[in-house]
Amino acid sequence: MMAKLPKPPGYTETHEKRSERIHGLLDRVRPDRRPQIEKRLAQVPRSLRANYLRTVTGTRSMKLRCKMFCLECCGWQKDEVAQCTAKACPLWEIRPCQTAKSKST
């Protein structure tokens, strides 16, 4: 189980609801996968944690799963996904955040 962190200044009820939502999503994860997912979740930017959990629990579309995979691969940097050069990746043709220039190459 994730340790509770002290509440930062400016913490609101919205943060509390988001935290409850994330813990609710974590409860859907199979017990054998949970330790690895919690470890990885600590590396995910806060703004993307709920989407990350929705993808690993299978409650989101394949499009979002591809987006989260690409973001994770590129260190959670949207700009890097658009500039991806890993053309051997099976998701390269359908990766999100493509620029017009990278689509034509």
N, C-alpha and C. Protein backbone atom coordinates (compact mmCIF):
# COMPACT_ATOMS: atom_id res chain seq x y z
N MET A 1 0.83 -1.18 0.00
CA MET A 1 0.00 0.00 0.00
C MET A 1 0.88 1.24 0.00
N MET A 2 0.46 2.25 -0.73
CA MET A 2 1.25 3.47 -0.82
C MET A 2 1.20 4.22 0.50
N ALA A 3 2.34 4.77 0.89
CA ALA A 3 2.41 5.54 2.13
C ALA A 3 1.74 6.89 1.93
N LYS A 4 1.07 7.36 2.95
CA LYS A 4 0.44 8.68 2.87
C LYS A 4 1.51 9.75 3.08
N LEU A 5 1.53 10.68 2.16
CA LEU A 5 2.48 11.79 2.24
C LEU A 5 1.82 12.96 2.96
N PRO A 6 2.63 13.83 3.59
CA PRO A 6 2.04 15.01 4.23
C PRO A 6 1.38 15.90 3.18
N LYS A 7 0.30 16.56 3.57
CA LYS A 7 -0.41 17.41 2.64
C LYS A 7 0.36 18.72 2.44
N PRO A 8 0.62 19.08 1.17
CA PRO A 8 1.37 20.31 0.90
C PRO A 8 0.50 21.54 1.13
N PRO A 9 1.13 22.72 1.25
CA PRO A 9 0.34 23.95 1.39
C PRO A 9 -0.56 24.11 0.18
N GLY A 10 -1.77 24.58 0.39
CA GLY A 10 -2.71 24.77 -0.71
C GLY A 10 -3.49 23.51 -1.05
N TYR A 11 -3.34 22.48 -0.25
CA TYR A 11 -4.04 21.22 -0.48
C TYR A 11 -5.54 21.45 -0.31
N THR A 12 -6.33 20.95 -1.24
CA THR A 12 -7.78 21.15 -1.19
C THR A 12 -8.51 19.82 -1.21
N GLU A 13 -9.81 19.89 -1.08
CA GLU A 13 -10.64 18.69 -1.15
C GLU A 13 -10.54 18.02 -2.52
N THR A 14 -10.30 18.82 -3.55
CA THR A 14 -10.15 18.26 -4.89
C THR A 14 -8.99 17.27 -4.91
N HIS A 15 -7.90 17.65 -4.24
CA HIS A 15 -6.75 16.75 -4.16
C HIS A 15 -7.13 15.46 -3.42
N GLU A 16 -7.93 15.61 -2.38
CA GLU A 16 -8.36 14.45 -1.61
C GLU A 16 -9.21 13.51 -2.48
N LYS A 17 -10.12 14.08 -3.26
CA LYS A 17 -10.95 13.26 -4.14
C LYS A 17 -10.11 12.56 -5.19
N ARG A 18 -9.11 13.27 -5.75
CA ARG A 18 -8.23 12.67 -6.75
C ARG A 18 -7.47 11.50 -6.13
N SER A 19 -6.99 11.69 -4.90
CA SER A 19 -6.26 10.63 -4.21
C SER A 19 -7.15 9.42 -3.98
N GLU A 20 -8.40 9.66 -3.57
CA GLU A 20 -9.34 8.55 -3.37
C GLU A 20 -9.61 7.82 -4.67
N ARG A 21 -9.74 8.57 -5.76
CA ARG A 21 -9.99 7.97 -7.07
C ARG A 21 -8.81 7.08 -7.47
N ILE A 22 -7.61 7.57 -7.25
CA ILE A 22 -6.41 6.81 -7.61
C ILE A 22 -6.33 5.54 -6.77
N HIS A 23 -6.61 5.63 -5.48
CA HIS A 23 -6.58 4.43 -4.64
C HIS A 23 -7.68 3.45 -5.04
N GLY A 24 -8.83 3.98 -5.48
CA GLY A 24 -9.89 3.11 -5.97
C GLY A 24 -9.47 2.36 -7.21
N LEU A 25 -8.75 3.03 -8.09
CA LEU A 25 -8.24 2.38 -9.30
C LEU A 25 -7.18 1.35 -8.95
N LEU A 26 -6.34 1.66 -7.96
CA LEU A 26 -5.31 0.70 -7.54
C LEU A 26 -5.93 -0.58 -6.99
N ASP A 27 -7.10 -0.47 -6.38
CA ASP A 27 -7.77 -1.65 -5.85
C ASP A 27 -8.20 -2.61 -6.95
N ARG A 28 -8.32 -2.13 -8.18
CA ARG A 28 -8.73 -2.98 -9.31
C ARG A 28 -7.57 -3.78 -9.90
N VAL A 29 -6.35 -3.44 -9.52
CA VAL A 29 -5.16 -4.10 -10.05
C VAL A 29 -5.00 -5.47 -9.40
N ARG A 30 -4.64 -6.45 -10.22
CA ARG A 30 -4.39 -7.79 -9.68
C ARG A 30 -3.28 -7.71 -8.64
N PRO A 31 -3.41 -8.45 -7.54
CA PRO A 31 -2.42 -8.38 -6.45
C PRO A 31 -0.99 -8.69 -6.90
N ASP A 32 -0.80 -9.59 -7.86
CA ASP A 32 0.55 -9.93 -8.29
C ASP A 32 1.20 -8.81 -9.11
N ARG A 33 0.41 -7.90 -9.67
CA ARG A 33 0.94 -6.78 -10.46
C ARG A 33 1.10 -5.51 -9.64
N ARG A 34 0.41 -5.45 -8.52
CA ARG A 34 0.33 -4.20 -7.75
C ARG A 34 1.68 -3.63 -7.32
N PRO A 35 2.62 -4.41 -6.79
CA PRO A 35 3.90 -3.81 -6.37
C PRO A 35 4.64 -3.11 -7.52
N GLN A 36 4.66 -3.74 -8.69
CA GLN A 36 5.35 -3.13 -9.83
C GLN A 36 4.63 -1.86 -10.29
N ILE A 37 3.31 -1.91 -10.29
CA ILE A 37 2.54 -0.75 -10.74
C ILE A 37 2.70 0.41 -9.76
N GLU A 38 2.69 0.13 -8.46
CA GLU A 38 2.90 1.19 -7.47
C GLU A 38 4.28 1.81 -7.63
N LYS A 39 5.27 0.98 -7.90
CA LYS A 39 6.64 1.49 -8.09
C LYS A 39 6.69 2.40 -9.32
N ARG A 40 6.09 1.96 -10.40
CA ARG A 40 6.07 2.76 -11.62
C ARG A 40 5.24 4.01 -11.44
N LEU A 41 4.14 3.91 -10.70
CA LEU A 41 3.25 5.04 -10.47
C LEU A 41 3.98 6.20 -9.78
N ALA A 42 4.95 5.88 -8.95
CA ALA A 42 5.72 6.93 -8.28
C ALA A 42 6.53 7.76 -9.28
N GLN A 43 6.80 7.22 -10.46
CA GLN A 43 7.58 7.93 -11.49
C GLN A 43 6.69 8.72 -12.45
N VAL A 44 5.39 8.45 -12.43
CA VAL A 44 4.44 9.09 -13.35
C VAL A 44 4.10 10.48 -12.82
N PRO A 45 4.10 11.50 -13.68
CA PRO A 45 3.69 12.84 -13.23
C PRO A 45 2.26 12.79 -12.65
N ARG A 46 2.03 13.58 -11.62
CA ARG A 46 0.72 13.56 -10.95
C ARG A 46 -0.44 13.74 -11.90
N SER A 47 -0.29 14.61 -12.88
CA SER A 47 -1.40 14.90 -13.79
C SER A 47 -1.77 13.70 -14.65
N LEU A 48 -0.89 12.72 -14.76
CA LEU A 48 -1.14 11.56 -15.62
C LEU A 48 -1.41 10.27 -14.84
N ARG A 49 -1.34 10.32 -13.52
CA ARG A 49 -1.47 9.09 -12.72
C ARG A 49 -2.81 8.39 -12.90
N ALA A 50 -3.90 9.13 -12.89
CA ALA A 50 -5.20 8.49 -13.04
C ALA A 50 -5.33 7.81 -14.40
N ASN A 51 -4.89 8.49 -15.45
CA ASN A 51 -4.94 7.88 -16.79
C ASN A 51 -4.03 6.65 -16.86
N TYR A 52 -2.87 6.72 -16.23
CA TYR A 52 -1.96 5.57 -16.22
C TYR A 52 -2.66 4.37 -15.56
N LEU A 53 -3.28 4.60 -14.41
CA LEU A 53 -3.96 3.50 -13.72
C LEU A 53 -5.14 2.98 -14.52
N ARG A 54 -5.86 3.87 -15.20
CA ARG A 54 -6.97 3.41 -16.03
C ARG A 54 -6.48 2.53 -17.17
N THR A 55 -5.32 2.82 -17.68
CA THR A 55 -4.81 2.00 -18.78
C THR A 55 -4.34 0.64 -18.29
N VAL A 56 -3.68 0.58 -17.13
CA VAL A 56 -3.21 -0.72 -16.65
C VAL A 56 -4.34 -1.58 -16.10
N THR A 57 -5.47 -0.97 -15.76
CA THR A 57 -6.61 -1.77 -15.31
C THR A 57 -7.55 -2.11 -16.45
N GLY A 58 -7.26 -1.59 -17.64
CA GLY A 58 -8.06 -1.93 -18.81
C GLY A 58 -9.37 -1.18 -18.93
N THR A 59 -9.48 -0.04 -18.25
CA THR A 59 -10.74 0.70 -18.29
C THR A 59 -10.68 1.88 -19.26
N ARG A 60 -9.68 1.94 -20.10
CA ARG A 60 -9.58 3.02 -21.08
C ARG A 60 -9.34 2.44 -22.47
N SER A 61 -9.49 3.30 -23.46
CA SER A 61 -9.38 2.87 -24.85
C SER A 61 -7.95 2.49 -25.23
N MET A 62 -7.85 1.79 -26.34
CA MET A 62 -6.54 1.41 -26.85
C MET A 62 -5.75 2.66 -27.25
N LYS A 63 -6.44 3.68 -27.72
CA LYS A 63 -5.76 4.93 -28.10
C LYS A 63 -5.05 5.55 -26.89
N LEU A 64 -5.72 5.59 -25.75
CA LEU A 64 -5.09 6.14 -24.54
C LEU A 64 -3.96 5.24 -24.08
N ARG A 65 -4.11 3.94 -24.23
CA ARG A 65 -3.04 3.02 -23.85
C ARG A 65 -1.78 3.28 -24.67
N CYS A 66 -1.96 3.50 -25.98
CA CYS A 66 -0.83 3.82 -26.84
C CYS A 66 -0.18 5.13 -26.42
N LYS A 67 -1.01 6.11 -26.12
CA LYS A 67 -0.50 7.42 -25.70
C LYS A 67 0.33 7.28 -24.42
N MET A 68 -0.18 6.55 -23.44
CA MET A 68 0.53 6.39 -22.18
C MET A 68 1.83 5.60 -22.38
N PHE A 69 1.80 4.60 -23.25
CA PHE A 69 3.01 3.83 -23.54
C PHE A 69 4.08 4.73 -24.13
N CYS A 70 3.69 5.55 -25.12
CA CYS A 70 4.65 6.45 -25.77
C CYS A 70 5.19 7.49 -24.79
N LEU A 71 4.32 8.04 -23.97
CA LEU A 71 4.77 9.03 -22.98
C LEU A 71 5.75 8.41 -22.00
N GLU A 72 5.45 7.20 -21.54
CA GLU A 72 6.34 6.52 -20.61
C GLU A 72 7.70 6.25 -21.27
N CYS A 73 7.66 5.79 -22.51
CA CYS A 73 8.88 5.48 -23.24
C CYS A 73 9.76 6.72 -23.40
N CYS A 74 9.13 7.87 -23.58
CA CYS A 74 9.85 9.13 -23.81
C CYS A 74 10.01 9.95 -22.54
N GLY A 75 9.95 9.31 -21.39
CA GLY A 75 10.18 10.01 -20.13
C GLY A 75 9.11 11.03 -19.79
N TRP A 76 7.87 10.76 -20.21
CA TRP A 76 6.71 11.60 -19.92
C TRP A 76 6.81 12.99 -20.56
N GLN A 77 7.60 13.12 -21.64
CA GLN A 77 7.77 14.38 -22.34
C GLN A 77 7.01 14.34 -23.66
N LYS A 78 5.91 15.11 -23.75
CA LYS A 78 5.07 15.11 -24.94
C LYS A 78 5.87 15.51 -26.19
N ASP A 79 6.77 16.49 -26.06
CA ASP A 79 7.59 16.93 -27.20
C ASP A 79 8.43 15.79 -27.76
N GLU A 80 8.93 14.95 -26.86
CA GLU A 80 9.78 13.83 -27.28
C GLU A 80 8.98 12.79 -28.06
N VAL A 81 7.72 12.61 -27.72
CA VAL A 81 6.88 11.66 -28.46
C VAL A 81 6.74 12.12 -29.91
N ALA A 82 6.52 13.41 -30.09
CA ALA A 82 6.37 13.95 -31.44
C ALA A 82 7.66 13.80 -32.25
N GLN A 83 8.80 13.82 -31.58
CA GLN A 83 10.09 13.73 -32.27
C GLN A 83 10.69 12.33 -32.22
N CYS A 84 9.91 11.35 -31.87
CA CYS A 84 10.39 9.98 -31.72
C CYS A 84 11.09 9.49 -32.98
N THR A 85 12.21 8.83 -32.80
CA THR A 85 12.97 8.29 -33.93
C THR A 85 13.04 6.76 -33.90
N ALA A 86 12.30 6.15 -32.97
CA ALA A 86 12.32 4.68 -32.84
C ALA A 86 11.38 4.06 -33.87
N LYS A 87 11.78 4.09 -35.11
CA LYS A 87 10.92 3.61 -36.20
C LYS A 87 10.69 2.11 -36.17
N ALA A 88 11.45 1.38 -35.39
CA ALA A 88 11.23 -0.07 -35.25
C ALA A 88 10.13 -0.38 -34.24
N CYS A 89 9.70 0.62 -33.48
CA CYS A 89 8.64 0.43 -32.50
C CYS A 89 7.33 0.10 -33.22
N PRO A 90 6.59 -0.90 -32.76
CA PRO A 90 5.33 -1.25 -33.42
C PRO A 90 4.29 -0.14 -33.35
N LEU A 91 4.43 0.79 -32.43
CA LEU A 91 3.46 1.88 -32.28
C LEU A 91 3.88 3.15 -33.00
N TRP A 92 5.03 3.13 -33.68
CA TRP A 92 5.56 4.37 -34.25
C TRP A 92 4.58 5.03 -35.22
N GLU A 93 3.94 4.28 -36.07
CA GLU A 93 3.01 4.85 -37.06
C GLU A 93 1.76 5.46 -36.42
N ILE A 94 1.37 4.96 -35.27
CA ILE A 94 0.13 5.45 -34.66
C ILE A 94 0.39 6.27 -33.40
N ARG A 95 1.63 6.62 -33.14
CA ARG A 95 1.95 7.34 -31.92
C ARG A 95 1.23 8.68 -31.88
N PRO A 96 0.89 9.14 -30.67
CA PRO A 96 0.20 10.42 -30.54
C PRO A 96 1.19 11.58 -30.68
N CYS A 97 0.65 12.77 -30.78
CA CYS A 97 1.46 14.00 -30.77
C CYS A 97 2.38 14.12 -31.97
N GLN A 98 2.06 13.50 -33.07
CA GLN A 98 2.91 13.58 -34.25
C GLN A 98 2.81 14.97 -34.88
N THR A 99 3.92 15.44 -35.39
CA THR A 99 3.90 16.69 -36.14
C THR A 99 3.68 16.34 -37.62
N ALA A 100 3.27 17.30 -38.41
CA ALA A 100 3.04 17.05 -39.84
C ALA A 100 4.32 16.56 -40.51
N LYS A 101 5.45 17.13 -40.11
CA LYS A 101 6.74 16.75 -40.70
C LYS A 101 7.06 15.28 -40.38
N SER A 102 6.86 14.85 -39.14
CA SER A 102 7.20 13.48 -38.78
C SER A 102 6.23 12.47 -39.38
N LYS A 103 4.99 12.88 -39.68
CA LYS A 103 4.04 11.97 -40.32
C LYS A 103 4.45 11.66 -41.74
N SER A 104 5.06 12.62 -42.41
CA SER A 104 5.42 12.43 -43.82
C SER A 104 6.72 11.70 -44.01
N THR A 105 7.55 11.57 -42.95
CA THR A 105 8.84 10.89 -43.08
C THR A 105 8.75 9.44 -42.73
